[in-house]
């Protein structure tokens, strides 16, 4: 019998590392203050967003590349929140963000072992 996977939204990790924790970890490794590191990270993120808005790709060593692409206009159906009759609409073109992981991080994740419990948690049964 084929097992049914949980939806992707239920399979992705629910634990998140926030900027404060990241800054504290970098502070331990470098000796710089956590507040200075947070300031540098926030400034870096703002600059990255500005470059993405200009249509430029961002390459981060070991991590990978972020790049903006235009999703073309397309026809969609508006369900009107389940009220009334659905109607055809044209969704406008829009920018979306894509990510291509770098070889280093792909290799690191591929070589990271997966436990039996983690595999079992992928399925609905």
PDB file of N, CA and C in Angstrom:
ATOM      1  N   UNK A   1       0.850  -1.190   0.000  1.00  0.00           N
ATOM      2  CA  UNK A   1       0.000   0.000   0.000  1.00  0.00           C
ATOM      3  C   UNK A   1       0.895   1.252   0.000  1.00  0.00           C
ATOM      4  N   UNK A   2       0.564   2.174  -0.861  1.00  0.00           N
ATOM      5  CA  UNK A   2       1.340   3.407  -0.966  1.00  0.00           C
ATOM      6  C   UNK A   2       0.946   4.363   0.160  1.00  0.00           C
ATOM      7  N   UNK A   3       1.956   4.912   0.817  1.00  0.00           N
ATOM      8  CA  UNK A   3       1.710   5.849   1.911  1.00  0.00           C
ATOM      9  C   UNK A   3       1.511   7.254   1.363  1.00  0.00           C
ATOM     10  N   UNK A   4       0.666   8.019   2.041  1.00  0.00           N
ATOM     11  CA  UNK A   4       0.374   9.374   1.604  1.00  0.00           C
ATOM     12  C   UNK A   4       1.246  10.364   2.377  1.00  0.00           C
ATOM     13  N   UNK A   5       1.970  11.210   1.616  1.00  0.00           N
ATOM     14  CA  UNK A   5       2.803  12.243   2.230  1.00  0.00           C
ATOM     15  C   UNK A   5       1.945  13.341   2.828  1.00  0.00           C
ATOM     16  N   UNK A   6       2.428  13.924   3.905  1.00  0.00           N
ATOM     17  CA  UNK A   6       1.788  15.122   4.450  1.00  0.00           C
ATOM     18  C   UNK A   6       1.988  16.255   3.447  1.00  0.00           C
ATOM     19  N   UNK A   7       1.130  17.265   3.447  1.00  0.00           N
ATOM     20  CA  UNK A   7       1.366  18.429   2.576  1.00  0.00           C
ATOM     21  C   UNK A   7       2.701  19.085   2.917  1.00  0.00           C
ATOM     22  N   UNK A   8       3.327  19.713   1.938  1.00  0.00           N
ATOM     23  CA  UNK A   8       4.635  20.338   2.131  1.00  0.00           C
ATOM     24  C   UNK A   8       4.637  21.314   3.302  1.00  0.00           C
ATOM     25  N   UNK A   9       3.542  22.035   3.473  1.00  0.00           N
ATOM     26  CA  UNK A   9       3.481  23.013   4.571  1.00  0.00           C
ATOM     27  C   UNK A   9       3.613  22.341   5.939  1.00  0.00           C
ATOM     28  N   UNK A  10       3.254  21.055   6.033  1.00  0.00           N
ATOM     29  CA  UNK A  10       3.379  20.325   7.301  1.00  0.00           C
ATOM     30  C   UNK A  10       4.714  19.590   7.406  1.00  0.00           C
ATOM     31  N   UNK A  11       5.451  19.478   6.293  1.00  0.00           N
ATOM     32  CA  UNK A  11       6.733  18.778   6.305  1.00  0.00           C
ATOM     33  C   UNK A  11       7.916  19.706   6.517  1.00  0.00           C
ATOM     34  N   UNK A  12       7.743  20.989   6.250  1.00  0.00           N
ATOM     35  CA  UNK A  12       8.881  21.887   6.431  1.00  0.00           C
ATOM     36  C   UNK A  12       9.094  22.166   7.914  1.00  0.00           C
ATOM     37  N   UNK A  13      10.334  22.481   8.299  1.00  0.00           N
ATOM     38  CA  UNK A  13      10.632  22.673   9.724  1.00  0.00           C
ATOM     39  C   UNK A  13       9.805  23.797  10.341  1.00  0.00           C
ATOM     40  N   UNK A  14       9.401  23.581  11.591  1.00  0.00           N
ATOM     41  CA  UNK A  14       8.652  24.642  12.278  1.00  0.00           C
ATOM     42  C   UNK A  14       9.545  25.412  13.244  1.00  0.00           C
ATOM     43  N   UNK A  15      10.799  24.996  13.365  1.00  0.00           N
ATOM     44  CA  UNK A  15      11.754  25.731  14.203  1.00  0.00           C
ATOM     45  C   UNK A  15      12.507  26.716  13.322  1.00  0.00           C
ATOM     46  N   UNK A  16      12.626  27.944  13.799  1.00  0.00           N
ATOM     47  CA  UNK A  16      13.273  28.996  13.015  1.00  0.00           C
ATOM     48  C   UNK A  16      14.347  29.676  13.853  1.00  0.00           C
ATOM     49  N   UNK A  17      15.475  29.952  13.224  1.00  0.00           N
ATOM     50  CA  UNK A  17      16.541  30.697  13.883  1.00  0.00           C
ATOM     51  C   UNK A  17      16.347  32.169  13.520  1.00  0.00           C
ATOM     52  N   UNK A  18      16.176  32.993  14.525  1.00  0.00           N
ATOM     53  CA  UNK A  18      15.946  34.422  14.300  1.00  0.00           C
ATOM     54  C   UNK A  18      17.269  35.185  14.303  1.00  0.00           C
ATOM     55  N   UNK A  19      17.194  36.434  13.893  1.00  0.00           N
ATOM     56  CA  UNK A  19      18.370  37.282  13.764  1.00  0.00           C
ATOM     57  C   UNK A  19      19.148  37.409  15.081  1.00  0.00           C
ATOM     58  N   UNK A  20      18.445  37.529  16.211  1.00  0.00           N
ATOM     59  CA  UNK A  20      19.124  37.670  17.506  1.00  0.00           C
ATOM     60  C   UNK A  20      20.031  36.478  17.797  1.00  0.00           C
ATOM     61  N   UNK A  21      19.512  35.270  17.600  1.00  0.00           N
ATOM     62  CA  UNK A  21      20.308  34.060  17.864  1.00  0.00           C
ATOM     63  C   UNK A  21      21.480  33.980  16.891  1.00  0.00           C
ATOM     64  N   UNK A  22      21.235  34.278  15.639  1.00  0.00           N
ATOM     65  CA  UNK A  22      22.297  34.260  14.638  1.00  0.00           C
ATOM     66  C   UNK A  22      23.403  35.245  15.020  1.00  0.00           C
ATOM     67  N   UNK A  23      23.014  36.436  15.434  1.00  0.00           N
ATOM     68  CA  UNK A  23      23.989  37.454  15.822  1.00  0.00           C
ATOM     69  C   UNK A  23      24.796  37.008  17.036  1.00  0.00           C
ATOM     70  N   UNK A  24      24.141  36.358  18.011  1.00  0.00           N
ATOM     71  CA  UNK A  24      24.870  35.867  19.196  1.00  0.00           C
ATOM     72  C   UNK A  24      25.887  34.797  18.804  1.00  0.00           C
ATOM     73  N   UNK A  25      25.516  33.903  17.893  1.00  0.00           N
ATOM     74  CA  UNK A  25      26.428  32.845  17.445  1.00  0.00           C
ATOM     75  C   UNK A  25      27.641  33.448  16.725  1.00  0.00           C
ATOM     76  N   UNK A  26      27.395  34.414  15.847  1.00  0.00           N
ATOM     77  CA  UNK A  26      28.500  35.061  15.132  1.00  0.00           C
ATOM     78  C   UNK A  26      29.370  35.830  16.119  1.00  0.00           C
ATOM     79  N   UNK A  27      28.750  36.448  17.117  1.00  0.00           N
ATOM     80  CA  UNK A  27      29.488  37.185  18.132  1.00  0.00           C
ATOM     81  C   UNK A  27      30.453  36.271  18.888  1.00  0.00           C
ATOM     82  N   UNK A  28      29.993  35.059  19.226  1.00  0.00           N
ATOM     83  CA  UNK A  28      30.861  34.099  19.916  1.00  0.00           C
ATOM     84  C   UNK A  28      32.071  33.731  19.058  1.00  0.00           C
ATOM     85  N   UNK A  29      31.845  33.578  17.748  1.00  0.00           N
ATOM     86  CA  UNK A  29      32.930  33.167  16.841  1.00  0.00           C
ATOM     87  C   UNK A  29      33.905  34.292  16.527  1.00  0.00           C
ATOM     88  N   UNK A  30      33.428  35.542  16.524  1.00  0.00           N
ATOM     89  CA  UNK A  30      34.257  36.643  16.028  1.00  0.00           C
ATOM     90  C   UNK A  30      34.741  37.602  17.098  1.00  0.00           C
ATOM     91  N   UNK A  31      34.022  37.694  18.201  1.00  0.00           N
ATOM     92  CA  UNK A  31      34.388  38.659  19.227  1.00  0.00           C
ATOM     93  C   UNK A  31      33.737  40.019  19.025  1.00  0.00           C
ATOM     94  N   UNK A  32      33.065  40.231  17.898  1.00  0.00           N
ATOM     95  CA  UNK A  32      32.317  41.473  17.690  1.00  0.00           C
ATOM     96  C   UNK A  32      31.048  41.424  18.536  1.00  0.00           C
ATOM     97  N   UNK A  33      30.504  42.587  18.858  1.00  0.00           N
ATOM     98  CA  UNK A  33      29.282  42.606  19.665  1.00  0.00           C
ATOM     99  C   UNK A  33      28.090  42.151  18.830  1.00  0.00           C
ATOM    100  N   UNK A  34      27.139  41.532  19.510  1.00  0.00           N
ATOM    101  CA  UNK A  34      25.940  41.046  18.826  1.00  0.00           C
ATOM    102  C   UNK A  34      25.172  42.209  18.198  1.00  0.00           C
ATOM    103  N   UNK A  35      25.152  43.364  18.855  1.00  0.00           N
ATOM    104  CA  UNK A  35      24.413  44.515  18.307  1.00  0.00           C
ATOM    105  C   UNK A  35      25.070  45.017  17.019  1.00  0.00           C
ATOM    106  N   UNK A  36      26.425  45.016  16.978  1.00  0.00           N
ATOM    107  CA  UNK A  36      27.109  45.412  15.737  1.00  0.00           C
ATOM    108  C   UNK A  36      26.821  44.421  14.615  1.00  0.00           C
ATOM    109  N   UNK A  37      26.806  43.158  14.938  1.00  0.00           N
ATOM    110  CA  UNK A  37      26.536  42.129  13.931  1.00  0.00           C
ATOM    111  C   UNK A  37      25.115  42.258  13.405  1.00  0.00           C
ATOM    112  N   UNK A  38      24.150  42.498  14.300  1.00  0.00           N
ATOM    113  CA  UNK A  38      22.765  42.691  13.859  1.00  0.00           C
ATOM    114  C   UNK A  38      22.660  43.890  12.938  1.00  0.00           C
ATOM    115  N   UNK A  39      23.358  44.974  13.259  1.00  0.00           N
ATOM    116  CA  UNK A  39      23.339  46.170  12.419  1.00  0.00           C
ATOM    117  C   UNK A  39      23.909  45.860  11.034  1.00  0.00           C
ATOM    118  N   UNK A  40      25.026  45.138  10.992  1.00  0.00           N
ATOM    119  CA  UNK A  40      25.641  44.770   9.706  1.00  0.00           C
ATOM    120  C   UNK A  40      24.701  43.864   8.911  1.00  0.00           C
ATOM    121  N   UNK A  41      24.094  42.871   9.565  1.00  0.00           N
ATOM    122  CA  UNK A  41      23.192  41.957   8.863  1.00  0.00           C
ATOM    123  C   UNK A  41      21.968  42.689   8.313  1.00  0.00           C
ATOM    124  N   UNK A  42      21.370  43.553   9.134  1.00  0.00           N
ATOM    125  CA  UNK A  42      20.190  44.308   8.668  1.00  0.00           C
ATOM    126  C   UNK A  42      20.549  45.204   7.484  1.00  0.00           C
ATOM    127  N   UNK A  43      21.690  45.869   7.579  1.00  0.00           N
ATOM    128  CA  UNK A  43      22.146  46.731   6.492  1.00  0.00           C
ATOM    129  C   UNK A  43      22.406  45.906   5.234  1.00  0.00           C
ATOM    130  N   UNK A  44      23.042  44.746   5.396  1.00  0.00           N
ATOM    131  CA  UNK A  44      23.318  43.860   4.261  1.00  0.00           C
ATOM    132  C   UNK A  44      22.023  43.405   3.604  1.00  0.00           C
ATOM    133  N   UNK A  45      21.055  43.024   4.411  1.00  0.00           N
ATOM    134  CA  UNK A  45      19.768  42.571   3.878  1.00  0.00           C
ATOM    135  C   UNK A  45      19.086  43.690   3.100  1.00  0.00           C
ATOM    136  N   UNK A  46      19.109  44.909   3.626  1.00  0.00           N
ATOM    137  CA  UNK A  46      18.510  46.041   2.915  1.00  0.00           C
ATOM    138  C   UNK A  46      19.189  46.274   1.565  1.00  0.00           C
ATOM    139  N   UNK A  47      20.507  46.159   1.538  1.00  0.00           N
ATOM    140  CA  UNK A  47      21.256  46.349   0.291  1.00  0.00           C
ATOM    141  C   UNK A  47      20.924  45.228  -0.693  1.00  0.00           C
ATOM    142  N   UNK A  48      20.830  43.996  -0.202  1.00  0.00           N
ATOM    143  CA  UNK A  48      20.467  42.868  -1.064  1.00  0.00           C
ATOM    144  C   UNK A  48      19.098  43.091  -1.684  1.00  0.00           C
ATOM    145  N   UNK A  49      18.142  43.525  -0.884  1.00  0.00           N
ATOM    146  CA  UNK A  49      16.791  43.783  -1.400  1.00  0.00           C
ATOM    147  C   UNK A  49      16.822  44.867  -2.472  1.00  0.00           C
ATOM    148  N   UNK A  50      17.599  45.916  -2.264  1.00  0.00           N
ATOM    149  CA  UNK A  50      17.716  46.975  -3.274  1.00  0.00           C
ATOM    150  C   UNK A  50      18.263  46.418  -4.591  1.00  0.00           C
ATOM    151  N   UNK A  51      19.300  45.567  -4.511  1.00  0.00           N
ATOM    152  CA  UNK A  51      19.851  44.968  -5.732  1.00  0.00           C
ATOM    153  C   UNK A  51      18.826  44.059  -6.413  1.00  0.00           C
ATOM    154  N   UNK A  52      18.070  43.296  -5.632  1.00  0.00           N
ATOM    155  CA  UNK A  52      17.049  42.423  -6.212  1.00  0.00           C
ATOM    156  C   UNK A  52      15.978  43.245  -6.927  1.00  0.00           C
ATOM    157  N   UNK A  53      15.602  44.391  -6.343  1.00  0.00           N
ATOM    158  CA  UNK A  53      14.616  45.275  -6.978  1.00  0.00           C
ATOM    159  C   UNK A  53      15.138  45.849  -8.294  1.00  0.00           C
ATOM    160  N   UNK A  54      16.466  45.953  -8.399  1.00  0.00           N
ATOM    161  CA  UNK A  54      17.078  46.434  -9.649  1.00  0.00           C
ATOM    162  C   UNK A  54      17.202  45.307 -10.674  1.00  0.00           C
ATOM    163  N   UNK A  55      16.752  44.103 -10.310  1.00  0.00           N
ATOM    164  CA  UNK A  55      16.819  42.976 -11.233  1.00  0.00           C
ATOM    165  C   UNK A  55      18.168  42.284 -11.249  1.00  0.00           C
ATOM    166  N   UNK A  56      18.960  42.465 -10.185  1.00  0.00           N
ATOM    167  CA  UNK A  56      20.286  41.844 -10.118  1.00  0.00           C
ATOM    168  C   UNK A  56      20.236  40.598  -9.239  1.00  0.00           C
ATOM    169  N   UNK A  57      21.086  39.627  -9.565  1.00  0.00           N
ATOM    170  CA  UNK A  57      21.215  38.416  -8.756  1.00  0.00           C
ATOM    171  C   UNK A  57      22.210  38.659  -7.634  1.00  0.00           C
ATOM    172  N   UNK A  58      22.036  37.919  -6.547  1.00  0.00           N
ATOM    173  CA  UNK A  58      22.928  38.021  -5.396  1.00  0.00           C
ATOM    174  C   UNK A  58      23.524  36.646  -5.146  1.00  0.00           C
ATOM    175  N   UNK A  59      24.843  36.569  -5.139  1.00  0.00           N
ATOM    176  CA  UNK A  59      25.538  35.319  -4.869  1.00  0.00           C
ATOM    177  C   UNK A  59      26.187  35.402  -3.493  1.00  0.00           C
ATOM    178  N   UNK A  60      25.829  34.476  -2.619  1.00  0.00           N
ATOM    179  CA  UNK A  60      26.400  34.428  -1.275  1.00  0.00           C
ATOM    180  C   UNK A  60      27.294  33.190  -1.175  1.00  0.00           C
ATOM    181  N   UNK A  61      28.564  33.370  -0.824  1.00  0.00           N
ATOM    182  CA  UNK A  61      29.497  32.240  -0.765  1.00  0.00           C
ATOM    183  C   UNK A  61      28.952  31.102   0.096  1.00  0.00           C
ATOM    184  N   UNK A  62      29.114  29.896  -0.390  1.00  0.00           N
ATOM    185  CA  UNK A  62      28.701  28.650   0.265  1.00  0.00           C
ATOM    186  C   UNK A  62      27.187  28.465   0.307  1.00  0.00           C
ATOM    187  N   UNK A  63      26.410  29.527   0.299  1.00  0.00           N
ATOM    188  CA  UNK A  63      24.951  29.439   0.428  1.00  0.00           C
ATOM    189  C   UNK A  63      24.287  29.223  -0.928  1.00  0.00           C
ATOM    190  N   UNK A  64      24.512  30.127  -1.854  1.00  0.00           N
ATOM    191  CA  UNK A  64      23.897  30.013  -3.162  1.00  0.00           C
ATOM    192  C   UNK A  64      23.549  31.367  -3.738  1.00  0.00           C
ATOM    193  N   UNK A  65      22.599  31.356  -4.666  1.00  0.00           N
ATOM    194  CA  UNK A  65      22.264  32.579  -5.390  1.00  0.00           C
ATOM    195  C   UNK A  65      20.764  32.866  -5.298  1.00  0.00           C
ATOM    196  N   UNK A  66      20.449  34.112  -4.977  1.00  0.00           N
ATOM    197  CA  UNK A  66      19.090  34.624  -5.014  1.00  0.00           C
ATOM    198  C   UNK A  66      18.954  35.419  -6.301  1.00  0.00           C
ATOM    199  N   UNK A  67      17.831  35.236  -7.008  1.00  0.00           N
ATOM    200  CA  UNK A  67      17.648  36.014  -8.226  1.00  0.00           C
ATOM    201  C   UNK A  67      16.167  36.301  -8.453  1.00  0.00           C
ATOM    202  N   UNK A  68      15.880  37.516  -8.921  1.00  0.00           N
ATOM    203  CA  UNK A  68      14.491  37.880  -9.203  1.00  0.00           C
ATOM    204  C   UNK A  68      14.108  37.454 -10.612  1.00  0.00           C
ATOM    205  N   UNK A  69      12.897  36.983 -10.789  1.00  0.00           N
ATOM    206  CA  UNK A  69      12.366  36.668 -12.115  1.00  0.00           C
ATOM    207  C   UNK A  69      10.962  37.246 -12.211  1.00  0.00           C
ATOM    208  N   UNK A  70      10.571  37.553 -13.428  1.00  0.00           N
ATOM    209  CA  UNK A  70       9.215  38.078 -13.645  1.00  0.00           C
ATOM    210  C   UNK A  70       8.292  36.912 -13.967  1.00  0.00           C
ATOM    211  N   UNK A  71       7.243  36.788 -13.198  1.00  0.00           N
ATOM    212  CA  UNK A  71       6.216  35.795 -13.479  1.00  0.00           C
ATOM    213  C   UNK A  71       5.247  36.464 -14.453  1.00  0.00           C
ATOM    214  N   UNK A  72       5.073  35.899 -15.645  1.00  0.00           N
ATOM    215  CA  UNK A  72       4.261  36.579 -16.660  1.00  0.00           C
ATOM    216  C   UNK A  72       2.775  36.641 -16.289  1.00  0.00           C
ATOM    217  N   UNK A  73       2.040  37.545 -16.934  1.00  0.00           N
ATOM    218  CA  UNK A  73       0.600  37.612 -16.658  1.00  0.00           C
ATOM    219  C   UNK A  73      -0.056  36.299 -17.082  1.00  0.00           C
ATOM    220  N   UNK A  74      -1.121  35.933 -16.374  1.00  0.00           N
ATOM    221  CA  UNK A  74      -1.808  34.691 -16.727  1.00  0.00           C
ATOM    222  C   UNK A  74      -3.270  34.766 -16.330  1.00  0.00           C
ATOM    223  N   UNK A  75      -4.052  33.882 -16.940  1.00  0.00           N
ATOM    224  CA  UNK A  75      -5.479  33.820 -16.622  1.00  0.00           C
ATOM    225  C   UNK A  75      -5.677  32.956 -15.396  1.00  0.00           C
ATOM    226  N   UNK A  76      -6.523  33.433 -14.487  1.00  0.00           N
ATOM    227  CA  UNK A  76      -6.842  32.712 -13.262  1.00  0.00           C
ATOM    228  C   UNK A  76      -8.347  32.742 -13.050  1.00  0.00           C
ATOM    229  N   UNK A  77      -8.817  31.899 -12.131  1.00  0.00           N
ATOM    230  CA  UNK A  77     -10.235  31.899 -11.776  1.00  0.00           C
ATOM    231  C   UNK A  77     -10.384  32.475 -10.374  1.00  0.00           C
ATOM    232  N   UNK A  78     -11.211  33.499 -10.242  1.00  0.00           N
ATOM    233  CA  UNK A  78     -11.520  34.051  -8.924  1.00  0.00           C
ATOM    234  C   UNK A  78     -12.712  33.276  -8.382  1.00  0.00           C
ATOM    235  N   UNK A  79     -12.544  32.682  -7.205  1.00  0.00           N
ATOM    236  CA  UNK A  79     -13.625  31.892  -6.607  1.00  0.00           C
ATOM    237  C   UNK A  79     -14.543  32.767  -5.749  1.00  0.00           C
ATOM    238  N   UNK A  80     -14.244  34.044  -5.628  1.00  0.00           N
ATOM    239  CA  UNK A  80     -15.064  34.993  -4.871  1.00  0.00           C
ATOM    240  C   UNK A  80     -15.339  34.540  -3.444  1.00  0.00           C
ATOM    241  N   UNK A  81     -14.373  33.857  -2.851  1.00  0.00           N
ATOM    242  CA  UNK A  81     -14.545  33.393  -1.472  1.00  0.00           C
ATOM    243  C   UNK A  81     -15.670  32.385  -1.322  1.00  0.00           C
ATOM    244  N   UNK A  82     -16.006  31.679  -2.397  1.00  0.00           N
ATOM    245  CA  UNK A  82     -17.074  30.678  -2.349  1.00  0.00           C
ATOM    246  C   UNK A  82     -18.463  31.277  -2.454  1.00  0.00           C
ATOM    247  N   UNK A  83     -18.542  32.580  -2.702  1.00  0.00           N
ATOM    248  CA  UNK A  83     -19.841  33.251  -2.812  1.00  0.00           C
ATOM    249  C   UNK A  83     -20.066  33.628  -4.272  1.00  0.00           C
ATOM    250  N   UNK A  84     -21.202  33.254  -4.805  1.00  0.00           N
ATOM    251  CA  UNK A  84     -21.521  33.612  -6.186  1.00  0.00           C
ATOM    252  C   UNK A  84     -20.812  32.717  -7.199  1.00  0.00           C
ATOM    253  N   UNK A  85     -20.740  33.218  -8.419  1.00  0.00           N
ATOM    254  CA  UNK A  85     -20.186  32.455  -9.530  1.00  0.00           C
ATOM    255  C   UNK A  85     -18.711  32.806  -9.715  1.00  0.00           C
ATOM    256  N   UNK A  86     -17.853  31.792  -9.880  1.00  0.00           N
ATOM    257  CA  UNK A  86     -16.443  32.089 -10.172  1.00  0.00           C
ATOM    258  C   UNK A  86     -16.320  32.848 -11.489  1.00  0.00           C
ATOM    259  N   UNK A  87     -15.303  33.702 -11.586  1.00  0.00           N
ATOM    260  CA  UNK A  87     -15.121  34.451 -12.833  1.00  0.00           C
ATOM    261  C   UNK A  87     -13.657  34.436 -13.249  1.00  0.00           C
ATOM    262  N   UNK A  88     -13.445  34.474 -14.555  1.00  0.00           N
ATOM    263  CA  UNK A  88     -12.090  34.494 -15.097  1.00  0.00           C
ATOM    264  C   UNK A  88     -11.497  35.885 -14.906  1.00  0.00           C
ATOM    265  N   UNK A  89     -10.199  35.915 -14.550  1.00  0.00           N
ATOM    266  CA  UNK A  89      -9.503  37.183 -14.346  1.00  0.00           C
ATOM    267  C   UNK A  89      -8.112  37.080 -14.965  1.00  0.00           C
ATOM    268  N   UNK A  90      -7.489  38.212 -15.164  1.00  0.00           N
ATOM    269  CA  UNK A  90      -6.118  38.262 -15.644  1.00  0.00           C
ATOM    270  C   UNK A  90      -5.228  38.702 -14.477  1.00  0.00           C
ATOM    271  N   UNK A  91      -4.281  37.834 -14.071  1.00  0.00           N
ATOM    272  CA  UNK A  91      -3.340  38.221 -13.017  1.00  0.00           C
ATOM    273  C   UNK A  91      -2.198  38.977 -13.678  1.00  0.00           C
ATOM    274  N   UNK A  92      -1.822  40.086 -13.100  1.00  0.00           N
ATOM    275  CA  UNK A  92      -0.769  40.932 -13.666  1.00  0.00           C
ATOM    276  C   UNK A  92       0.604  40.262 -13.515  1.00  0.00           C
ATOM    277  N   UNK A  93       1.536  40.688 -14.347  1.00  0.00           N
ATOM    278  CA  UNK A  93       2.922  40.227 -14.221  1.00  0.00           C
ATOM    279  C   UNK A  93       3.468  40.723 -12.887  1.00  0.00           C
ATOM    280  N   UNK A  94       4.359  39.929 -12.292  1.00  0.00           N
ATOM    281  CA  UNK A  94       4.920  40.337 -11.002  1.00  0.00           C
ATOM    282  C   UNK A  94       6.297  39.723 -10.815  1.00  0.00           C
ATOM    283  N   UNK A  95       7.065  40.360  -9.947  1.00  0.00           N
ATOM    284  CA  UNK A  95       8.389  39.856  -9.601  1.00  0.00           C
ATOM    285  C   UNK A  95       8.245  38.780  -8.538  1.00  0.00           C
ATOM    286  N   UNK A  96       9.034  37.709  -8.648  1.00  0.00           N
ATOM    287  CA  UNK A  96       9.116  36.696  -7.610  1.00  0.00           C
ATOM    288  C   UNK A  96      10.593  36.397  -7.350  1.00  0.00           C
ATOM    289  N   UNK A  97      10.885  35.899  -6.171  1.00  0.00           N
ATOM    290  CA  UNK A  97      12.259  35.609  -5.789  1.00  0.00           C
ATOM    291  C   UNK A  97      12.511  34.114  -5.899  1.00  0.00           C
ATOM    292  N   UNK A  98      13.629  33.755  -6.489  1.00  0.00           N
ATOM    293  CA  UNK A  98      14.044  32.364  -6.614  1.00  0.00           C
ATOM    294  C   UNK A  98      15.395  32.192  -5.921  1.00  0.00           C
ATOM    295  N   UNK A  99      15.680  30.954  -5.576  1.00  0.00           N
ATOM    296  CA  UNK A  99      16.936  30.634  -4.902  1.00  0.00           C
ATOM    297  C   UNK A  99      17.522  29.377  -5.517  1.00  0.00           C
ATOM    298  N   UNK A 100      18.813  29.418  -5.816  1.00  0.00           N
ATOM    299  CA  UNK A 100      19.543  28.243  -6.286  1.00  0.00           C
ATOM    300  C   UNK A 100      20.654  27.973  -5.280  1.00  0.00           C
ATOM    301  N   UNK A 101      20.561  26.853  -4.551  1.00  0.00           N
ATOM    302  CA  UNK A 101      21.592  26.577  -3.550  1.00  0.00           C
ATOM    303  C   UNK A 101      22.950  26.345  -4.190  1.00  0.00           C
ATOM    304  N   UNK A 102      23.992  26.723  -3.465  1.00  0.00           N
ATOM    305  CA  UNK A 102      25.353  26.516  -3.926  1.00  0.00           C
ATOM    306  C   UNK A 102      25.786  25.065  -3.730  1.00  0.00           C
ATOM    307  N   UNK A 103      26.853  24.671  -4.409  1.00  0.00           N
ATOM    308  CA  UNK A 103      27.343  23.292  -4.353  1.00  0.00           C
ATOM    309  C   UNK A 103      27.715  22.893  -2.929  1.00  0.00           C
ATOM    310  N   UNK A 104      28.331  23.813  -2.179  1.00  0.00           N
ATOM    311  CA  UNK A 104      28.775  23.492  -0.822  1.00  0.00           C
ATOM    312  C   UNK A 104      27.589  23.141   0.080  1.00  0.00           C
ATOM    313  N   UNK A 105      26.572  23.976   0.106  1.00  0.00           N
ATOM    314  CA  UNK A 105      25.435  23.728   0.998  1.00  0.00           C
ATOM    315  C   UNK A 105      24.650  22.506   0.523  1.00  0.00           C
ATOM    316  N   UNK A 106      24.554  22.293  -0.782  1.00  0.00           N
ATOM    317  CA  UNK A 106      23.882  21.087  -1.286  1.00  0.00           C
ATOM    318  C   UNK A 106      24.597  19.833  -0.799  1.00  0.00           C
ATOM    319  N   UNK A 107      25.921  19.838  -0.886  1.00  0.00           N
ATOM    320  CA  UNK A 107      26.714  18.688  -0.453  1.00  0.00           C
ATOM    321  C   UNK A 107      26.551  18.466   1.048  1.00  0.00           C
ATOM    322  N   UNK A 108      26.612  19.544   1.827  1.00  0.00           N
ATOM    323  CA  UNK A 108      26.471  19.431   3.278  1.00  0.00           C
ATOM    324  C   UNK A 108      25.120  18.828   3.668  1.00  0.00           C
ATOM    325  N   UNK A 109      24.045  19.290   3.024  1.00  0.00           N
ATOM    326  CA  UNK A 109      22.717  18.760   3.348  1.00  0.00           C
ATOM    327  C   UNK A 109      22.551  17.325   2.861  1.00  0.00           C
ATOM    328  N   UNK A 110      23.072  17.033   1.686  1.00  0.00           N
ATOM    329  CA  UNK A 110      22.970  15.678   1.148  1.00  0.00           C
ATOM    330  C   UNK A 110      23.680  14.682   2.052  1.00  0.00           C
ATOM    331  N   UNK A 111      24.814  15.063   2.613  1.00  0.00           N
ATOM    332  CA  UNK A 111      25.592  14.169   3.467  1.00  0.00           C
ATOM    333  C   UNK A 111      25.089  14.128   4.913  1.00  0.00           C
ATOM    334  N   UNK A 112      24.130  14.968   5.247  1.00  0.00           N
ATOM    335  CA  UNK A 112      23.583  14.997   6.611  1.00  0.00           C
ATOM    336  C   UNK A 112      22.612  13.819   6.773  1.00  0.00           C
ATOM    337  N   UNK A 113      22.802  12.962   7.777  1.00  0.00           N
ATOM    338  CA  UNK A 113      21.946  11.775   7.910  1.00  0.00           C
ATOM    339  C   UNK A 113      20.504  12.125   8.283  1.00  0.00           C
ATOM    340  N   UNK A 114      19.588  11.268   7.830  1.00  0.00           N
ATOM    341  CA  UNK A 114      18.158  11.412   8.121  1.00  0.00           C
ATOM    342  C   UNK A 114      17.769  10.269   9.052  1.00  0.00           C
ATOM    343  N   UNK A 115      17.107  10.583  10.164  1.00  0.00           N
ATOM    344  CA  UNK A 115      16.709   9.546  11.122  1.00  0.00           C
ATOM    345  C   UNK A 115      15.415   8.864  10.675  1.00  0.00           C
ATOM    346  N   UNK A 116      15.180   7.683  11.223  1.00  0.00           N
ATOM    347  CA  UNK A 116      13.937   6.951  10.917  1.00  0.00           C
ATOM    348  C   UNK A 116      12.709   7.751  11.351  1.00  0.00           C
ATOM    349  N   UNK A 117      12.806   8.431  12.495  1.00  0.00           N
ATOM    350  CA  UNK A 117      11.672   9.238  12.977  1.00  0.00           C
ATOM    351  C   UNK A 117      11.368  10.373  12.004  1.00  0.00           C
ATOM    352  N   UNK A 118      12.407  11.001  11.468  1.00  0.00           N
ATOM    353  CA  UNK A 118      12.197  12.079  10.502  1.00  0.00           C
ATOM    354  C   UNK A 118      11.503  11.563   9.249  1.00  0.00           C
ATOM    355  N   UNK A 119      11.858  10.363   8.820  1.00  0.00           N
ATOM    356  CA  UNK A 119      11.206   9.763   7.642  1.00  0.00           C
ATOM    357  C   UNK A 119       9.756   9.466   7.965  1.00  0.00           C
ATOM    358  N   UNK A 120       9.482   8.890   9.144  1.00  0.00           N
ATOM    359  CA  UNK A 120       8.108   8.574   9.539  1.00  0.00           C
ATOM    360  C   UNK A 120       7.241   9.818   9.636  1.00  0.00           C
ATOM    361  N   UNK A 121       7.833  10.941  10.058  1.00  0.00           N
ATOM    362  CA  UNK A 121       7.072  12.186  10.207  1.00  0.00           C
ATOM    363  C   UNK A 121       6.658  12.791   8.869  1.00  0.00           C
ATOM    364  N   UNK A 122       7.165  12.262   7.755  1.00  0.00           N
ATOM    365  CA  UNK A 122       6.792  12.758   6.431  1.00  0.00           C
ATOM    366  C   UNK A 122       5.393  12.301   6.008  1.00  0.00           C
ATOM    367  N   UNK A 123       4.903  11.232   6.622  1.00  0.00           N
ATOM    368  CA  UNK A 123       3.662  10.595   6.185  1.00  0.00           C
ATOM    369  C   UNK A 123       2.495  10.857   7.130  1.00  0.00           C
ATOM    370  N   UNK A 124       1.296  10.765   6.571  1.00  0.00           N
ATOM    371  CA  UNK A 124       0.082  11.061   7.345  1.00  0.00           C
ATOM    372  C   UNK A 124      -0.346   9.942   8.278  1.00  0.00           C
ATOM    373  N   UNK A 125       0.004   8.665   7.970  1.00  0.00           N
ATOM    374  CA  UNK A 125      -0.493   7.566   8.807  1.00  0.00           C
ATOM    375  C   UNK A 125      -0.092   7.685  10.213  1.00  0.00           C
TER     376      UNK A 125
END
